[in-house]
Structures are given as C-alpha cells and as structure tokens.
Protein backbone atom coordinates (compact mmCIF):
# COMPACT_ATOMS: atom_id res chain seq x y z
CA MET A 1 5.33 82.63 40.12
CA ALA A 2 5.25 83.45 36.40
CA THR A 3 8.66 81.84 35.91
CA ALA A 4 7.61 78.63 37.66
CA LEU A 5 4.36 78.36 35.71
CA GLY A 6 6.01 79.33 32.44
CA HIS A 7 8.60 76.59 32.91
CA TRP A 8 5.82 73.98 33.04
CA VAL A 9 4.28 75.38 29.86
CA LEU A 10 7.55 75.67 27.92
CA ARG A 11 9.38 72.55 29.16
CA GLY A 12 6.61 70.25 30.36
CA TYR A 13 8.17 69.87 33.81
CA GLY A 14 9.01 72.06 36.77
CA VAL A 15 8.90 72.34 40.53
CA TYR A 16 6.51 70.42 42.80
CA ALA A 17 5.17 71.42 46.20
CA VAL A 18 6.33 69.12 49.00
CA GLU A 19 3.98 68.49 51.87
CA GLU A 20 4.13 66.54 55.08
CA LYS A 21 1.90 63.46 54.68
CA ALA A 22 0.58 63.43 58.24
CA SER A 23 -0.57 67.05 58.31
CA GLY A 24 -0.76 68.08 54.65
CA ARG A 25 1.40 71.07 55.60
CA PHE A 26 3.53 72.68 52.87
CA VAL A 27 7.23 72.19 53.70
CA GLY A 28 8.99 73.28 50.51
CA ARG A 29 9.52 72.50 46.86
CA VAL A 30 11.54 70.07 44.76
CA GLY A 31 11.68 69.69 41.01
CA LEU A 32 13.44 70.05 37.70
CA ILE A 33 14.43 73.28 36.02
CA ASN A 34 16.35 74.13 32.90
CA PRO A 35 15.68 77.73 31.89
CA GLU A 36 17.37 79.25 28.87
CA GLY A 37 21.11 79.69 29.53
CA TRP A 38 21.20 77.21 32.45
CA PRO A 39 24.15 74.77 32.65
CA GLY A 40 21.84 71.75 32.30
CA LEU A 41 18.76 69.94 33.55
CA GLU A 42 18.81 70.59 37.29
CA VAL A 43 17.11 68.85 40.17
CA GLY A 44 16.77 71.40 42.94
CA TRP A 45 15.16 71.60 46.36
CA MET A 46 14.17 74.26 48.83
CA ILE A 47 12.82 73.01 52.14
CA GLY A 48 11.80 75.28 55.02
CA ARG A 49 14.50 75.36 57.69
CA GLU A 50 12.14 74.04 60.38
CA HIS A 51 11.77 70.85 58.28
CA TRP A 52 15.48 70.20 57.63
CA GLY A 53 16.90 66.83 58.60
CA ARG A 54 13.62 64.94 58.13
CA GLY A 55 14.37 63.49 54.68
CA PHE A 56 11.95 65.59 52.62
CA ALA A 57 14.54 66.79 50.08
CA THR A 58 16.09 63.34 49.76
CA GLU A 59 12.81 61.47 49.35
CA ALA A 60 11.44 63.92 46.79
CA GLY A 61 14.84 64.20 45.09
CA VAL A 62 14.92 60.44 44.48
CA ALA A 63 11.54 60.63 42.75
CA VAL A 64 12.48 63.65 40.65
CA VAL A 65 15.85 62.27 39.48
CA ARG A 66 14.20 58.96 38.60
CA MET A 67 11.47 60.83 36.70
CA ALA A 68 14.07 62.85 34.76
CA TYR A 69 15.72 59.69 33.46
CA GLN A 70 12.73 57.42 33.05
CA ALA A 71 9.90 59.75 32.00
CA LEU A 72 11.80 62.57 30.30
CA GLY A 73 14.62 60.48 28.81
CA ALA A 74 17.34 62.67 30.32
CA THR A 75 20.95 61.60 29.83
CA HIS A 76 22.51 64.02 32.34
CA VAL A 77 20.98 65.56 35.46
CA ILE A 78 22.76 68.03 37.73
CA SER A 79 22.37 70.05 40.92
CA LEU A 80 23.98 73.47 41.28
CA ILE A 81 25.07 74.04 44.88
CA ARG A 82 27.07 76.81 46.54
CA PRO A 83 30.16 75.43 48.34
CA GLU A 84 28.97 76.75 51.73
CA ASN A 85 25.59 74.96 51.46
CA VAL A 86 26.65 71.85 53.38
CA ALA A 87 23.09 70.59 53.89
CA SER A 88 22.37 70.56 50.14
CA ILE A 89 25.71 68.92 49.42
CA ARG A 90 24.70 66.13 51.83
CA VAL A 91 21.39 65.69 50.02
CA ALA A 92 23.13 65.54 46.62
CA GLU A 93 25.53 62.89 47.94
CA LYS A 94 22.63 60.84 49.38
CA LEU A 95 21.09 60.94 45.91
CA GLY A 96 24.31 59.51 44.46
CA GLY A 97 25.54 62.85 43.15
CA ILE A 98 29.20 63.24 42.26
CA ARG A 99 30.84 66.67 42.16
CA GLU A 100 32.01 66.98 38.59
CA SER A 101 33.18 70.60 38.61
CA THR A 102 32.98 74.03 40.17
CA ILE A 103 31.88 76.88 37.92
CA GLU A 104 31.30 80.61 38.23
CA PHE A 105 27.51 80.94 38.08
CA LEU A 106 25.18 83.75 39.11
CA ASP A 107 28.02 85.78 40.60
CA GLY A 108 29.73 83.09 42.63
CA PRO A 109 31.42 79.72 42.74
CA THR A 110 28.97 76.87 42.32
CA HIS A 111 29.54 73.13 42.56
CA VAL A 112 28.01 71.03 39.81
CA TYR A 113 26.86 67.64 41.13
CA SER A 114 25.78 65.09 38.54
CA TYR A 115 23.60 62.03 38.69
CA ALA A 116 24.88 59.85 35.86
CA SER A 117 22.35 57.05 35.99
CA PRO A 118 18.79 56.45 37.15
CA LEU A 119 18.38 55.83 40.85
CA PRO A 120 17.30 52.35 41.94
CA LEU A 121 13.64 51.71 42.72
CA ASP A 122 14.42 50.12 46.07
CA LYS A 123 14.68 52.20 49.22
CA THR A 124 18.33 51.63 50.06
CA LEU A 125 19.01 55.31 50.59
CA LYS A 126 19.60 56.44 54.16
CA LEU A 127 17.03 59.13 54.79
C-alpha cells in the first residue's frame, strides 16, 4: 500500500481501482507505474480471475494509455508481461501493443510491449 500511495506522491500518477459499473464491485486495478530502476513508463493491469474476459482490463487500459500520452506527455509507454501470461498478451495486443523485445527482469524472461502512439478516441477496439 505504501508503494502505491508513494508512487502517486512522487510521480503524480499511479494505479486506479476498477469497479463494475452495475454493482460498484471492485474487480481489480489498472494504471501507470514507473518506479526507480523500472524499464520505462508501464501501463499494467490486474483483474480478479472471476472477471476475466469481460473487457475490464482493455477498457481501462485504453483510458490509461491515452492519459499517459495526452495528459502526461509521454513519448513511450510499455507493458511488461511474462511469456506464459497469454491473457495479458491478448490485452496488450488489443491496446495496439507491439512486442519490441524480451528482457530478463525480476528473475525471469519478460516481454516488453510498447504503445508508440496515442490510442484513438473512438471505440473501434474489440472488447
């Protein structure tokens, strides 16, 4: 909790709670992180397994990537994803992410997906 709150204080951005509109129920979190020593400004998501496949990560990811470029002035946004995390790879690809490399990070191979330009405002993404 201290890390998440400290990130907001130090960087001015961080991770948001994601909730289901109909019920107000917490389903996960999506946001931007870039702690000291990180490979770059990362959009990341963590959605509860029982909520997978319902578009929460994709919908929130669109908003967060757009915010990174438009509000923060980012020039490069990434997602760090383990090769076996097929669901997150699918989300990154829906967001327009391109795998630019695979690095050794936090004791294992990690794909680096990048989002090179702001996402469009229209809702052409397949959720």
